[in-house]
Amino acid sequence: MTDGPERIDSLPPLPARPAEAHKGDFGRVLVVGGSGGMVGAPALAANAALRGGAGLVTFVAPETIQQAVATLCPCATSVALACDADGQLAVDAVRQFARAAATADVLAVGPGMGTGRRQRDLVQAAVEQPRPLVLDADGLNNLTAVARWPKVRRCPMILTPHPGEFSRLTGRPVGQIQADRPAAAMEAAGTWRADGPDDAPLVVLLKGAGTIITDGRRVRVNATGNSGMATGGSGDVLTGLAAALMAQGMGAFDAASLAAHLHGLAGDLAGEARTRQAMIASDLLEFLPGAIRTHLSS
């Protein structure tokens, strides 16, 4: 008989922030995403990475929307990906991404990026490189088109699917997943991790009421958050926050656990102040400092 998974209830502390530190000490996050009609998604993720304590944040977006995204996150730098005459990502876009990724500590890929051949190639390049990766939204949808992705993975990875995205990744019906969320997430995380390199952890953060965080061996059920967070862009904030914590030196499981907690706590604070009905994703950015302050004082 084998032991069951280790249930983790405690939360890790926030990364230390020494008084004599400079911005280079708190990590460089590269956010990759955006497409026509999805300008806000990479901006939300980039701003969340900054709010989460990352020292430097750069976003990578198609040149057709790069300036629009920049107006929404003035504290981030940016890289414009080449597009063809139809406004779609050009062949050189993947090489541009690879050059930008080489200067980052952590990648956050997927918010609003859309799906297609070039996006799939970009996601495959992200999975095959060695830097920690947070993959969300269309990053996950494109991942389903990458052949044998668990075997070609070389990076520590946090996957942040909602049940529909998790269903596409696993081939299991949503109803079956929701019937036993911890078991479904643990099984997938264990299988995907076993197919990859031994020194590169893989964590599944299955979003929803009672978000599940697991690496297949340990599991945590998040207790913060509310239904007001069921709004477009909320997941983009979580993506940026998780990437920021990893950039500051946290391991994948701890970063995912603390990001889910702080994200949900910001949602709880926003729900009290704005009501759950009136909440929007950018409220999470506004209330994240309060969530961090609460965690620091607990």
Protein backbone atom coordinates (compact mmCIF):
# COMPACT_ATOMS: atom_id res chain seq x y z
CA MET A 1 0.00 0.00 0.00
CA THR A 2 1.31 3.45 -0.91
CA ASP A 3 0.86 6.56 1.14
CA GLY A 4 -1.76 9.05 -0.05
CA PRO A 5 -1.00 12.61 -1.09
CA GLU A 6 0.29 15.04 1.49
CA ARG A 7 -2.38 17.60 2.34
CA ILE A 8 -0.82 21.05 2.82
CA ASP A 9 -2.80 23.59 4.83
CA SER A 10 -0.12 26.11 5.82
CA LEU A 11 0.92 28.96 3.55
CA PRO A 12 4.48 29.97 2.70
CA PRO A 13 5.70 33.44 3.66
CA LEU A 14 6.10 36.16 1.10
CA PRO A 15 9.62 36.43 -0.34
CA ALA A 16 11.93 38.64 1.72
CA ARG A 17 12.45 42.21 0.54
CA PRO A 18 15.71 43.55 2.01
CA ALA A 19 15.96 47.30 2.48
CA GLU A 20 19.20 47.53 0.48
CA ALA A 21 17.83 45.60 -2.53
CA HIS A 22 17.33 46.95 -6.06
CA LYS A 23 14.88 46.04 -8.81
CA GLY A 24 17.18 43.43 -10.27
CA ASP A 25 16.94 41.43 -7.04
CA PHE A 26 13.24 40.71 -7.44
CA GLY A 27 13.20 38.99 -10.78
CA ARG A 28 12.32 39.66 -14.39
CA VAL A 29 8.92 38.48 -15.63
CA LEU A 30 8.08 38.19 -19.32
CA VAL A 31 4.34 38.21 -20.08
CA VAL A 32 3.39 36.88 -23.51
CA GLY A 33 -0.08 37.33 -24.92
CA GLY A 34 -2.64 39.59 -26.49
CA SER A 35 -4.35 39.64 -29.86
CA GLY A 36 -6.91 41.75 -31.69
CA GLY A 37 -9.81 42.19 -29.27
CA MET A 38 -7.75 40.89 -26.33
CA VAL A 39 -5.68 43.94 -25.41
CA GLY A 40 -6.52 43.91 -21.71
CA ALA A 41 -5.42 40.36 -20.91
CA PRO A 42 -1.63 40.81 -21.11
CA ALA A 43 -1.93 44.20 -19.41
CA LEU A 44 -3.75 42.66 -16.45
CA ALA A 45 -1.11 39.93 -16.16
CA ALA A 46 1.77 42.40 -16.43
CA ASN A 47 0.27 44.74 -13.84
CA ALA A 48 -0.36 41.80 -11.51
CA ALA A 49 3.28 40.74 -11.83
CA LEU A 50 4.32 44.24 -10.82
CA ARG A 51 1.83 44.34 -7.92
CA GLY A 52 3.10 40.92 -6.87
CA GLY A 53 6.59 42.30 -6.32
CA ALA A 54 8.49 41.47 -9.52
CA GLY A 55 11.32 43.93 -10.04
CA LEU A 56 11.04 44.19 -13.82
CA VAL A 57 8.20 43.20 -16.13
CA THR A 58 8.17 43.11 -19.92
CA PHE A 59 5.21 42.14 -22.06
CA VAL A 60 5.44 40.62 -25.53
CA ALA A 61 2.47 41.30 -27.80
CA PRO A 62 1.72 41.54 -31.54
CA GLU A 63 2.91 44.81 -33.02
CA THR A 64 -0.69 45.59 -34.01
CA ILE A 65 -1.67 46.02 -30.34
CA GLN A 66 1.62 46.68 -28.55
CA GLN A 67 1.04 50.40 -28.11
CA ALA A 68 -2.49 49.87 -26.84
CA VAL A 69 -1.30 47.37 -24.23
CA ALA A 70 1.49 49.74 -23.21
CA THR A 71 -1.00 52.45 -22.31
CA LEU A 72 -2.61 50.05 -19.83
CA CYS A 73 0.63 49.08 -18.07
CA PRO A 74 3.02 52.05 -18.13
CA CYS A 75 5.41 50.50 -15.61
CA ALA A 76 6.27 47.59 -17.94
CA THR A 77 8.56 47.57 -20.94
CA SER A 78 7.50 45.80 -24.12
CA VAL A 79 8.49 43.85 -27.21
CA ALA A 80 6.41 44.00 -30.40
CA LEU A 81 6.02 40.72 -32.29
CA ALA A 82 6.12 40.92 -36.07
CA CYS A 83 2.81 40.42 -37.89
CA ASP A 84 2.02 39.66 -41.53
CA ALA A 85 -0.13 41.70 -43.87
CA ASP A 86 -3.27 40.17 -42.36
CA GLY A 87 -2.28 41.19 -38.84
CA GLN A 88 -1.46 37.62 -37.79
CA LEU A 89 1.80 36.62 -36.12
CA ALA A 90 4.61 36.34 -38.66
CA VAL A 91 7.20 33.57 -38.94
CA ASP A 92 9.79 35.65 -37.07
CA ALA A 93 7.53 36.06 -34.02
CA VAL A 94 8.73 32.84 -32.40
CA ARG A 95 12.37 33.87 -32.78
CA GLN A 96 11.56 37.28 -31.31
CA PHE A 97 9.91 35.59 -28.35
CA ALA A 98 12.94 33.33 -27.82
CA ARG A 99 15.28 36.32 -27.74
CA ALA A 100 13.10 38.11 -25.20
CA ALA A 101 12.74 34.96 -23.08
CA ALA A 102 16.51 34.65 -22.81
CA THR A 103 16.61 37.82 -20.68
CA ALA A 104 13.78 36.80 -18.32
CA ASP A 105 13.70 34.80 -15.09
CA VAL A 106 10.09 33.61 -15.43
CA LEU A 107 7.65 33.46 -18.34
CA ALA A 108 3.87 33.96 -18.15
CA VAL A 109 2.38 32.82 -21.45
CA GLY A 110 -1.15 32.77 -22.77
CA PRO A 111 -3.39 35.65 -21.66
CA GLY A 112 -5.43 36.71 -24.68
CA MET A 113 -2.96 35.32 -27.22
CA GLY A 114 -5.51 33.49 -29.38
CA THR A 115 -4.93 30.14 -31.05
CA GLY A 116 -3.24 29.16 -34.29
CA ARG A 117 -0.09 27.71 -35.80
CA ARG A 118 2.25 30.51 -34.74
CA GLN A 119 0.78 30.62 -31.24
CA ARG A 120 1.22 26.86 -30.96
CA ASP A 121 4.86 27.16 -32.07
CA LEU A 122 5.42 29.90 -29.51
CA VAL A 123 3.92 27.79 -26.71
CA GLN A 124 6.05 24.82 -27.74
CA ALA A 125 9.14 27.02 -27.63
CA ALA A 126 8.14 28.16 -24.13
CA VAL A 127 7.70 24.58 -22.93
CA GLU A 128 11.03 23.46 -24.39
CA GLN A 129 13.12 26.24 -22.81
CA PRO A 130 14.47 25.95 -19.23
CA ARG A 131 13.03 29.00 -17.41
CA PRO A 132 10.03 28.65 -15.07
CA LEU A 133 6.76 29.01 -16.95
CA VAL A 134 3.21 29.90 -15.94
CA LEU A 135 0.82 28.80 -18.68
CA ASP A 136 -2.77 30.03 -18.77
CA ALA A 137 -5.77 30.67 -21.01
CA ASP A 138 -4.92 30.33 -24.70
CA GLY A 139 -1.49 29.14 -23.69
CA LEU A 140 -3.25 26.01 -22.45
CA ASN A 141 -5.49 25.79 -25.51
CA ASN A 142 -2.43 25.91 -27.77
CA LEU A 143 -0.65 23.38 -25.58
CA THR A 144 -3.24 20.76 -26.54
CA ALA A 145 -1.91 21.00 -30.11
CA VAL A 146 1.74 20.43 -29.08
CA ALA A 147 2.60 16.79 -29.69
CA ARG A 148 3.95 14.91 -26.66
CA TRP A 149 4.30 18.13 -24.68
CA PRO A 150 4.99 16.46 -21.30
CA LYS A 151 7.99 14.67 -22.83
CA VAL A 152 9.45 17.74 -24.56
CA ARG A 153 8.97 19.95 -21.47
CA ARG A 154 12.23 21.23 -19.99
CA CYS A 155 10.95 23.95 -17.66
CA PRO A 156 9.41 24.14 -14.19
CA MET A 157 5.76 24.79 -14.96
CA ILE A 158 2.53 25.97 -13.37
CA LEU A 159 -0.59 25.18 -15.38
CA THR A 160 -3.64 27.25 -14.38
CA PRO A 161 -6.68 25.77 -16.17
CA HIS A 162 -10.34 26.27 -15.43
CA PRO A 163 -12.38 23.04 -15.71
CA GLY A 164 -13.06 23.52 -19.43
CA GLU A 165 -9.38 23.99 -20.25
CA PHE A 166 -8.48 21.09 -17.99
CA SER A 167 -11.00 18.94 -19.86
CA ARG A 168 -9.32 19.77 -23.17
CA LEU A 169 -5.89 18.94 -21.74
CA THR A 170 -6.93 15.61 -20.23
CA GLY A 171 -9.75 14.46 -22.51
CA ARG A 172 -11.98 13.93 -19.47
CA PRO A 173 -15.52 15.33 -19.28
CA VAL A 174 -15.99 18.42 -17.13
CA GLY A 175 -18.60 16.66 -15.01
CA GLN A 176 -16.17 13.89 -14.15
CA ILE A 177 -13.48 16.42 -13.26
CA GLN A 178 -15.80 18.41 -11.03
CA ALA A 179 -17.03 15.29 -9.26
CA ASP A 180 -13.60 14.87 -7.61
CA ARG A 181 -11.45 17.89 -8.37
CA PRO A 182 -8.49 16.99 -6.12
CA ALA A 183 -8.20 13.49 -7.55
CA ALA A 184 -8.44 14.68 -11.14
CA ALA A 185 -5.80 17.37 -10.66
CA MET A 186 -3.43 15.08 -8.74
CA GLU A 187 -3.66 12.32 -11.33
CA ALA A 188 -2.90 14.68 -14.21
CA ALA A 189 -0.07 16.46 -12.39
CA GLY A 190 1.55 13.17 -11.44
CA THR A 191 1.33 11.76 -14.95
CA TRP A 192 2.61 14.90 -16.69
CA ARG A 193 5.41 15.38 -14.18
CA ALA A 194 6.58 11.78 -14.53
CA ASP A 195 6.91 12.18 -18.29
CA GLY A 196 9.17 15.24 -17.95
CA PRO A 197 12.60 15.90 -16.46
CA ASP A 198 13.17 14.94 -12.82
CA ASP A 199 14.54 18.37 -11.90
CA ALA A 200 11.65 20.43 -13.35
CA PRO A 201 8.53 20.44 -11.16
CA LEU A 202 5.06 20.63 -12.64
CA VAL A 203 2.10 22.04 -10.72
CA VAL A 204 -1.57 22.06 -11.66
CA LEU A 205 -3.67 24.92 -10.31
CA LEU A 206 -7.24 23.89 -11.11
CA LYS A 207 -9.32 27.04 -10.79
CA GLY A 208 -12.84 27.24 -9.42
CA ALA A 209 -14.55 27.25 -6.04
CA GLY A 210 -11.93 25.65 -3.81
CA THR A 211 -9.00 26.02 -6.22
CA ILE A 212 -6.79 22.92 -6.19
CA ILE A 213 -3.00 23.22 -6.20
CA THR A 214 -1.04 20.01 -6.62
CA ASP A 215 2.21 18.58 -7.93
CA GLY A 216 0.84 15.05 -7.80
CA ARG A 217 2.40 14.41 -4.39
CA ARG A 218 1.17 17.37 -2.37
CA VAL A 219 -2.23 19.01 -2.57
CA ARG A 220 -3.66 22.24 -1.24
CA VAL A 221 -7.26 23.44 -1.43
CA ASN A 222 -7.50 27.21 -1.43
CA ALA A 223 -10.04 28.71 0.94
CA THR A 224 -10.18 32.33 -0.27
CA GLY A 225 -12.20 33.85 -3.12
CA ASN A 226 -15.84 34.23 -4.07
CA SER A 227 -18.27 34.22 -7.00
CA GLY A 228 -17.58 37.87 -7.80
CA MET A 229 -14.28 36.70 -9.26
CA ALA A 230 -16.11 34.81 -12.00
CA THR A 231 -15.46 37.62 -14.44
CA GLY A 232 -13.29 38.06 -17.50
CA GLY A 233 -9.65 38.83 -16.74
CA SER A 234 -9.56 37.41 -13.22
CA GLY A 235 -7.36 34.52 -14.33
CA ASP A 236 -4.92 36.88 -16.04
CA VAL A 237 -4.29 38.56 -12.69
CA LEU A 238 -3.57 35.17 -11.10
CA THR A 239 -1.12 34.33 -13.88
CA GLY A 240 0.92 37.48 -13.37
CA LEU A 241 0.91 37.10 -9.61
CA ALA A 242 2.14 33.50 -9.72
CA ALA A 243 4.91 34.47 -12.14
CA ALA A 244 6.01 37.33 -9.86
CA LEU A 245 6.32 35.02 -6.86
CA MET A 246 8.38 32.52 -8.85
CA ALA A 247 10.58 35.36 -10.12
CA GLN A 248 11.34 36.23 -6.49
CA GLY A 249 12.63 32.74 -5.85
CA MET A 250 9.61 30.71 -4.75
CA GLY A 251 9.21 27.15 -5.96
CA ALA A 252 6.32 26.27 -8.23
CA PHE A 253 4.08 24.64 -5.60
CA ASP A 254 4.56 27.39 -3.02
CA ALA A 255 4.19 30.15 -5.62
CA ALA A 256 0.97 28.67 -6.96
CA SER A 257 -0.40 28.16 -3.44
CA LEU A 258 0.38 31.68 -2.26
CA ALA A 259 -0.80 33.25 -5.53
CA ALA A 260 -4.16 31.49 -5.28
CA HIS A 261 -4.54 32.60 -1.66
CA LEU A 262 -3.65 36.25 -2.28
CA HIS A 263 -5.71 36.38 -5.47
CA GLY A 264 -8.75 35.05 -3.64
CA LEU A 265 -8.16 37.31 -0.66
CA ALA A 266 -7.99 40.35 -2.96
CA GLY A 267 -11.29 39.15 -4.39
CA ASP A 268 -12.80 38.90 -0.92
CA LEU A 269 -11.70 42.43 -0.08
CA ALA A 270 -13.01 43.71 -3.41
CA GLY A 271 -16.31 41.88 -2.91
CA GLU A 272 -16.83 43.61 0.42
CA ALA A 273 -16.03 47.03 -1.00
CA ARG A 274 -17.60 46.77 -4.47
CA THR A 275 -20.12 43.92 -4.06
CA ARG A 276 -19.68 40.61 -5.84
CA GLN A 277 -22.07 41.65 -8.59
CA ALA A 278 -20.11 44.79 -9.48
CA MET A 279 -16.57 43.39 -9.29
CA ILE A 280 -14.29 43.48 -12.32
CA ALA A 281 -10.84 41.98 -12.75
CA SER A 282 -8.97 45.25 -12.38
CA ASP A 283 -10.45 45.53 -8.87
CA LEU A 284 -8.21 42.61 -7.93
CA LEU A 285 -5.16 44.72 -8.78
CA GLU A 286 -6.47 47.52 -6.59
CA PHE A 287 -7.11 45.27 -3.60
CA LEU A 288 -4.02 43.08 -3.95
CA PRO A 289 -1.91 45.39 -1.73
CA GLY A 290 -4.48 44.95 1.03
CA ALA A 291 -4.37 41.20 0.60
CA ILE A 292 -0.58 41.23 0.84
CA ARG A 293 -0.73 43.43 3.95
CA THR A 294 -3.19 41.01 5.56
CA HIS A 295 -0.95 38.05 4.80
CA LEU A 296 2.12 39.82 6.15
CA SER A 297 0.32 40.55 9.41
CA SER A 298 -1.10 37.02 9.85
